[in-house]
């Protein structure tokens, strides 16, 4: 056998920790041809074969298929190119596993039935284009046949769910909930009803004053309502009624009396129509999906303002 060290399959097994059966299989498949054979026909391997076996084991532990391993060993492809392709495959596998994890988490939280599980899995597998098309179709249906403010609804529909290439579990779960929300018949009726009322008010000119007041003052009113809540003041307190007066005055149109209880109650009803928690949830979910700053709930502040107006 000469001066060069050679090893039997058993010795290779002891040095590498691989089973004899596995090494023999690699050898039979041509991945580890023997360096020489004994007179009795037993296979022997040299140090080069040992290094080759270590490479085969490493590539297999990384999930590389036997055919790709063989091409790398035969120099039909480089180990670098093989690694690049395998990283891409692993990235896709990881993405799919994360999607499955998000679906299973949602299933566990909701104790879902089989049909809901199928729906959530389909939603999780949607492409970017499919997600954007879902939103476009939603807003198109919400305004179909209605004379609405085009600039306002364009802004509403322009915010699309944009999952990153490597979304967090929270982003995936938010997307599933968002997709279910915009396909929920009750939610669609809610938003369609808002659009119809907006179109009707737009036709009579009644919505302009209230809409502009909300747009210009809403954050200030919400901040004051929050401050009143934090101070323990009720809607019927002096502070609550000062806020109600400010809202009514800013929202009153020609011929409206801001001090009239009937006007204030009607105004509260208009505000309530746009303050449904599900409409707020729509934007909270979009913020999570798109990585925007979190949108805290404004429901306590809204409830305070409505109650103050209805006193």
Protein backbone atom coordinates (compact mmCIF):
# COMPACT_ATOMS: atom_id res chain seq x y z
CA UNK A 1 0.00 0.00 0.00
CA UNK A 2 3.07 2.31 0.04
CA UNK A 3 3.90 5.12 2.46
CA UNK A 4 0.62 7.04 1.98
CA UNK A 5 -1.84 6.48 4.83
CA UNK A 6 -5.04 4.77 3.80
CA UNK A 7 -8.21 4.02 5.73
CA UNK A 8 -10.86 1.34 5.68
CA UNK A 9 -14.53 2.30 5.73
CA UNK A 10 -14.58 1.45 9.44
CA UNK A 11 -11.70 3.87 10.12
CA UNK A 12 -13.42 6.61 8.10
CA UNK A 13 -16.52 6.01 10.19
CA UNK A 14 -14.58 6.41 13.44
CA UNK A 15 -12.85 9.60 12.20
CA UNK A 16 -15.98 11.30 10.83
CA UNK A 17 -18.75 9.88 13.00
CA UNK A 18 -20.69 8.83 9.89
CA UNK A 19 -22.24 5.34 9.87
CA UNK A 20 -20.43 2.72 7.80
CA UNK A 21 -23.66 2.18 5.86
CA UNK A 22 -23.77 5.87 4.85
CA UNK A 23 -20.12 5.94 3.74
CA UNK A 24 -20.63 2.79 1.68
CA UNK A 25 -23.72 4.37 0.09
CA UNK A 26 -21.75 7.50 -0.87
CA UNK A 27 -19.05 5.31 -2.32
CA UNK A 28 -21.55 3.23 -4.31
CA UNK A 29 -23.09 6.47 -5.67
CA UNK A 30 -19.70 7.64 -6.94
CA UNK A 31 -19.33 10.48 -4.44
CA UNK A 32 -16.43 8.76 -2.69
CA UNK A 33 -14.56 6.45 -5.06
CA UNK A 34 -12.03 4.20 -3.24
CA UNK A 35 -8.36 5.08 -3.57
CA UNK A 36 -7.48 1.41 -3.93
CA UNK A 37 -8.66 -2.03 -2.89
CA UNK A 38 -7.04 -4.81 -0.90
CA UNK A 39 -6.37 -8.18 -2.47
CA UNK A 40 -9.56 -9.34 -0.81
CA UNK A 41 -11.50 -6.52 -2.50
CA UNK A 42 -12.00 -4.27 0.53
CA UNK A 43 -12.13 -0.54 -0.24
CA UNK A 44 -9.39 1.74 1.04
CA UNK A 45 -9.35 5.56 1.11
CA UNK A 46 -6.54 8.10 1.45
CA UNK A 47 -6.41 11.54 3.14
CA UNK A 48 -7.84 13.21 0.03
CA UNK A 49 -10.83 10.89 0.16
CA UNK A 50 -11.25 11.72 3.86
CA UNK A 51 -11.36 15.44 3.06
CA UNK A 52 -13.81 14.73 0.24
CA UNK A 53 -16.04 12.80 2.65
CA UNK A 54 -15.99 15.72 5.11
CA UNK A 55 -17.15 18.04 2.32
CA UNK A 56 -19.93 15.64 1.34
CA UNK A 57 -21.07 15.43 4.95
CA UNK A 58 -21.06 19.23 5.36
CA UNK A 59 -23.05 19.80 2.18
CA UNK A 60 -25.56 17.12 3.13
CA UNK A 61 -25.96 18.58 6.64
CA UNK A 62 -26.74 21.90 4.94
CA UNK A 63 -29.50 20.19 3.00
CA UNK A 64 -27.80 20.03 -0.41
CA UNK A 65 -29.12 17.21 -2.57
CA UNK A 66 -26.92 14.36 -3.75
CA UNK A 67 -27.09 15.46 -7.39
CA UNK A 68 -25.79 18.94 -6.51
CA UNK A 69 -23.11 17.45 -4.28
CA UNK A 70 -21.96 15.27 -7.18
CA UNK A 71 -21.79 18.28 -9.53
CA UNK A 72 -19.72 20.21 -7.00
CA UNK A 73 -17.30 17.31 -6.55
CA UNK A 74 -16.99 16.92 -10.31
CA UNK A 75 -16.35 20.70 -10.64
CA UNK A 76 -19.42 21.14 -12.83
CA UNK A 77 -20.34 23.86 -10.37
CA UNK A 78 -18.35 25.67 -7.70
CA UNK A 79 -19.08 25.30 -4.01
CA UNK A 80 -19.67 29.08 -3.94
CA UNK A 81 -22.34 28.91 -6.66
CA UNK A 82 -23.86 25.92 -4.95
CA UNK A 83 -23.98 27.87 -1.67
CA UNK A 84 -25.60 30.89 -3.33
CA UNK A 85 -28.34 28.75 -4.86
CA UNK A 86 -28.89 26.92 -1.62
CA UNK A 87 -29.11 30.16 0.38
CA UNK A 88 -31.82 31.35 -2.00
CA UNK A 89 -33.68 28.08 -1.58
CA UNK A 90 -33.34 28.27 2.21
CA UNK A 91 -34.57 31.87 2.23
CA UNK A 92 -37.71 30.80 0.38
CA UNK A 93 -38.16 27.84 2.70
CA UNK A 94 -37.78 30.09 5.75
CA UNK A 95 -40.31 32.52 4.31
CA UNK A 96 -42.82 29.74 3.81
CA UNK A 97 -42.19 28.35 7.29
CA UNK A 98 -42.82 31.77 8.79
CA UNK A 99 -46.06 32.03 6.85
CA UNK A 100 -47.12 28.64 8.17
CA UNK A 101 -46.17 29.65 11.70
CA UNK A 102 -48.26 32.83 11.42
CA UNK A 103 -51.26 30.85 10.19
CA UNK A 104 -50.90 28.24 12.94
CA UNK A 105 -50.59 30.95 15.61
CA UNK A 106 -53.76 32.57 14.32
CA UNK A 107 -55.49 29.17 14.29
CA UNK A 108 -54.42 28.52 17.89
CA UNK A 109 -55.63 31.97 19.03
CA UNK A 110 -59.02 31.63 17.35
CA UNK A 111 -59.63 27.91 17.75
CA UNK A 112 -60.43 27.98 14.03
CA UNK A 113 -62.55 25.52 12.08
CA UNK A 114 -61.18 23.78 8.99
CA UNK A 115 -62.63 26.20 6.43
CA UNK A 116 -61.19 29.21 8.26
CA UNK A 117 -57.78 27.50 8.41
CA UNK A 118 -57.89 27.03 4.63
CA UNK A 119 -58.82 30.69 4.13
CA UNK A 120 -56.04 31.97 6.40
CA UNK A 121 -53.47 29.80 4.64
CA UNK A 122 -54.60 31.14 1.25
CA UNK A 123 -54.37 34.73 2.50
CA UNK A 124 -50.88 34.17 3.88
CA UNK A 125 -49.67 32.87 0.51
CA UNK A 126 -50.83 35.94 -1.47
CA UNK A 127 -48.26 37.84 -3.53
CA UNK A 128 -47.60 41.58 -3.20
CA UNK A 129 -49.67 42.29 -6.32
CA UNK A 130 -52.57 40.21 -5.00
CA UNK A 131 -52.51 42.06 -1.67
CA UNK A 132 -52.58 45.45 -3.39
CA UNK A 133 -55.34 44.33 -5.76
CA UNK A 134 -57.45 43.23 -2.78
CA UNK A 135 -57.32 46.78 -1.37
CA UNK A 136 -58.00 48.38 -4.76
CA UNK A 137 -61.06 46.19 -5.27
CA UNK A 138 -62.27 46.95 -1.75
CA UNK A 139 -62.20 50.73 -2.20
CA UNK A 140 -63.62 50.50 -5.72
CA UNK A 141 -66.64 48.66 -4.34
CA UNK A 142 -66.96 51.13 -1.45
CA UNK A 143 -67.37 54.06 -3.88
CA UNK A 144 -68.96 52.47 -6.96
CA UNK A 145 -71.74 54.67 -8.34
CA UNK A 146 -71.28 57.35 -5.67
CA UNK A 147 -70.29 61.00 -6.05
CA UNK A 148 -67.63 61.13 -3.35
CA UNK A 149 -64.67 63.41 -2.74
CA UNK A 150 -62.11 61.86 -5.14
CA UNK A 151 -59.07 63.31 -3.34
CA UNK A 152 -60.19 61.95 0.05
CA UNK A 153 -60.94 58.46 -1.22
CA UNK A 154 -57.76 58.39 -3.28
CA UNK A 155 -55.81 58.99 -0.09
CA UNK A 156 -57.78 56.29 1.69
CA UNK A 157 -57.11 53.73 -1.03
CA UNK A 158 -53.48 54.67 -1.65
CA UNK A 159 -52.28 53.06 1.57
CA UNK A 160 -51.56 49.47 0.60
CA UNK A 161 -50.29 46.53 2.68
CA UNK A 162 -46.60 46.15 1.88
CA UNK A 163 -45.08 43.18 3.67
CA UNK A 164 -41.27 43.22 3.75
CA UNK A 165 -39.31 40.33 2.28
CA UNK A 166 -38.61 39.09 5.81
CA UNK A 167 -41.80 39.96 7.75
CA UNK A 168 -42.09 39.44 11.47
CA UNK A 169 -44.69 37.02 12.87
CA UNK A 170 -46.68 40.06 14.04
CA UNK A 171 -46.72 41.53 10.53
CA UNK A 172 -47.91 38.26 9.03
CA UNK A 173 -50.64 37.89 11.64
CA UNK A 174 -51.70 41.51 11.03
CA UNK A 175 -51.92 40.84 7.29
CA UNK A 176 -54.16 37.80 7.80
CA UNK A 177 -56.47 39.83 10.07
CA UNK A 178 -56.45 42.78 7.63
CA UNK A 179 -57.33 40.59 4.64
CA UNK A 180 -60.16 38.98 6.57
CA UNK A 181 -61.41 42.41 7.67
CA UNK A 182 -61.69 43.88 4.16
CA UNK A 183 -63.52 40.75 3.01
CA UNK A 184 -65.90 40.70 5.96
CA UNK A 185 -69.44 41.51 4.81
CA UNK A 186 -70.34 43.49 7.95
CA UNK A 187 -67.24 45.65 7.61
CA UNK A 188 -67.91 46.23 3.93
CA UNK A 189 -71.47 47.30 4.74
CA UNK A 190 -70.12 49.67 7.39
CA UNK A 191 -67.67 51.41 5.03
CA UNK A 192 -70.13 51.40 2.13
CA UNK A 193 -72.69 53.03 4.41
CA UNK A 194 -70.18 55.72 5.36
CA UNK A 195 -69.50 56.35 1.68
CA UNK A 196 -73.21 56.60 0.87
CA UNK A 197 -73.78 59.10 3.68
CA UNK A 198 -70.74 61.05 2.54
CA UNK A 199 -72.09 61.19 -1.01
CA UNK A 200 -75.56 62.23 0.19
CA UNK A 201 -74.15 65.01 2.39
CA UNK A 202 -71.84 66.08 -0.41
CA UNK A 203 -74.84 66.45 -2.72
CA UNK A 204 -76.58 68.77 -0.25
CA UNK A 205 -73.42 70.49 0.95
CA UNK A 206 -74.10 69.44 4.55
CA UNK A 207 -70.88 67.48 5.02
CA UNK A 208 -68.40 70.21 4.16
CA UNK A 209 -68.36 72.07 7.47
CA UNK A 210 -68.23 68.95 9.66
CA UNK A 211 -65.59 67.26 7.48
CA UNK A 212 -63.33 70.31 7.45
CA UNK A 213 -63.73 70.77 11.20
CA UNK A 214 -62.78 67.16 11.85
CA UNK A 215 -59.77 67.38 9.57
CA UNK A 216 -58.51 70.66 11.04
CA UNK A 217 -59.23 70.11 14.74
CA UNK A 218 -59.53 66.37 15.38
CA UNK A 219 -56.10 65.84 16.93
CA UNK A 220 -56.49 68.87 19.20
CA UNK A 221 -59.94 67.71 20.30
CA UNK A 222 -58.64 64.19 20.95
CA UNK A 223 -55.74 65.55 23.00
CA UNK A 224 -58.11 67.65 25.11
CA UNK A 225 -60.42 64.66 25.62
CA UNK A 226 -57.44 62.58 26.73
CA UNK A 227 -56.31 65.32 29.13
CA UNK A 228 -59.82 65.52 30.59
CA UNK A 229 -59.94 61.74 31.03
CA UNK A 230 -56.53 61.72 32.69
CA UNK A 231 -57.71 64.47 35.04
CA UNK A 232 -60.77 62.45 35.98
CA UNK A 233 -63.21 64.93 34.41
CA UNK A 234 -66.47 63.57 33.01
CA UNK A 235 -68.26 64.52 29.78
CA UNK A 236 -70.75 66.57 31.84
CA UNK A 237 -68.01 68.49 33.65
CA UNK A 238 -67.13 72.09 32.83
CA UNK A 239 -64.09 70.83 30.95
CA UNK A 240 -66.14 68.34 28.98
CA UNK A 241 -68.75 70.93 28.07
CA UNK A 242 -66.08 73.42 27.01
CA UNK A 243 -64.79 70.79 24.60
CA UNK A 244 -68.32 70.08 23.34
CA UNK A 245 -68.85 73.80 22.72
CA UNK A 246 -65.57 74.03 20.79
CA UNK A 247 -66.51 71.05 18.63
CA UNK A 248 -70.01 72.36 17.94
CA UNK A 249 -68.79 75.86 17.12
CA UNK A 250 -66.14 74.63 14.69
CA UNK A 251 -68.60 72.26 13.02
CA UNK A 252 -71.60 74.56 12.72
CA UNK A 253 -72.67 75.70 9.31
CA UNK A 254 -74.86 78.62 8.27
CA UNK A 255 -78.12 78.50 10.22
CA UNK A 256 -76.79 76.03 12.84
CA UNK A 257 -76.86 76.99 16.53
CA UNK A 258 -73.79 75.48 18.28
CA UNK A 259 -75.59 75.68 21.62
CA UNK A 260 -78.67 73.80 20.41
CA UNK A 261 -78.79 70.34 22.09
CA UNK A 262 -80.47 68.87 19.01
CA UNK A 263 -77.68 70.13 16.76
CA UNK A 264 -75.06 68.72 19.12
CA UNK A 265 -76.76 65.32 19.26
CA UNK A 266 -77.00 65.21 15.46
CA UNK A 267 -73.34 66.18 15.29
CA UNK A 268 -72.45 63.39 17.71
CA UNK A 269 -74.33 60.92 15.52
CA UNK A 270 -72.31 62.04 12.48
CA UNK A 271 -69.04 61.64 14.37
CA UNK A 272 -70.11 58.22 15.67
CA UNK A 273 -70.70 56.98 12.14
CA UNK A 274 -67.02 57.48 11.38
CA UNK A 275 -65.73 56.32 14.75
CA UNK A 276 -66.44 52.59 14.51
CA UNK A 277 -63.60 50.60 16.14
CA UNK A 278 -63.30 48.42 13.02
CA UNK A 279 -62.44 51.46 10.88
CA UNK A 280 -59.71 52.33 13.37
CA UNK A 281 -58.52 48.72 13.36
CA UNK A 282 -58.07 48.91 9.57
CA UNK A 283 -55.38 51.58 9.99
CA UNK A 284 -53.79 49.94 13.03
CA UNK A 285 -53.29 46.73 11.05
CA UNK A 286 -51.87 48.63 8.07
CA UNK A 287 -49.40 50.34 10.41
CA UNK A 288 -48.23 46.97 11.75
CA UNK A 289 -47.95 45.42 8.27
CA UNK A 290 -46.03 48.36 6.79
CA UNK A 291 -43.79 49.01 9.78
CA UNK A 292 -45.30 52.44 10.50
CA UNK A 293 -45.36 53.87 14.04
CA UNK A 294 -48.11 52.14 16.06
CA UNK A 295 -51.52 53.80 16.00
CA UNK A 296 -52.97 53.80 19.53
CA UNK A 297 -56.69 53.46 19.95
CA UNK A 298 -58.68 56.69 20.18
CA UNK A 299 -61.90 55.01 21.27
CA UNK A 300 -61.89 56.38 24.87
CA UNK A 301 -61.37 59.92 23.53
CA UNK A 302 -64.09 59.46 20.89
CA UNK A 303 -66.53 58.14 23.50
CA UNK A 304 -65.76 61.15 25.72
CA UNK A 305 -66.43 63.65 22.91
CA UNK A 306 -69.68 61.95 21.87
CA UNK A 307 -70.93 61.84 25.44
CA UNK A 308 -70.03 65.50 25.96
CA UNK A 309 -71.95 66.50 22.82
CA UNK A 310 -75.00 64.51 23.92
CA UNK A 311 -75.30 66.08 27.35
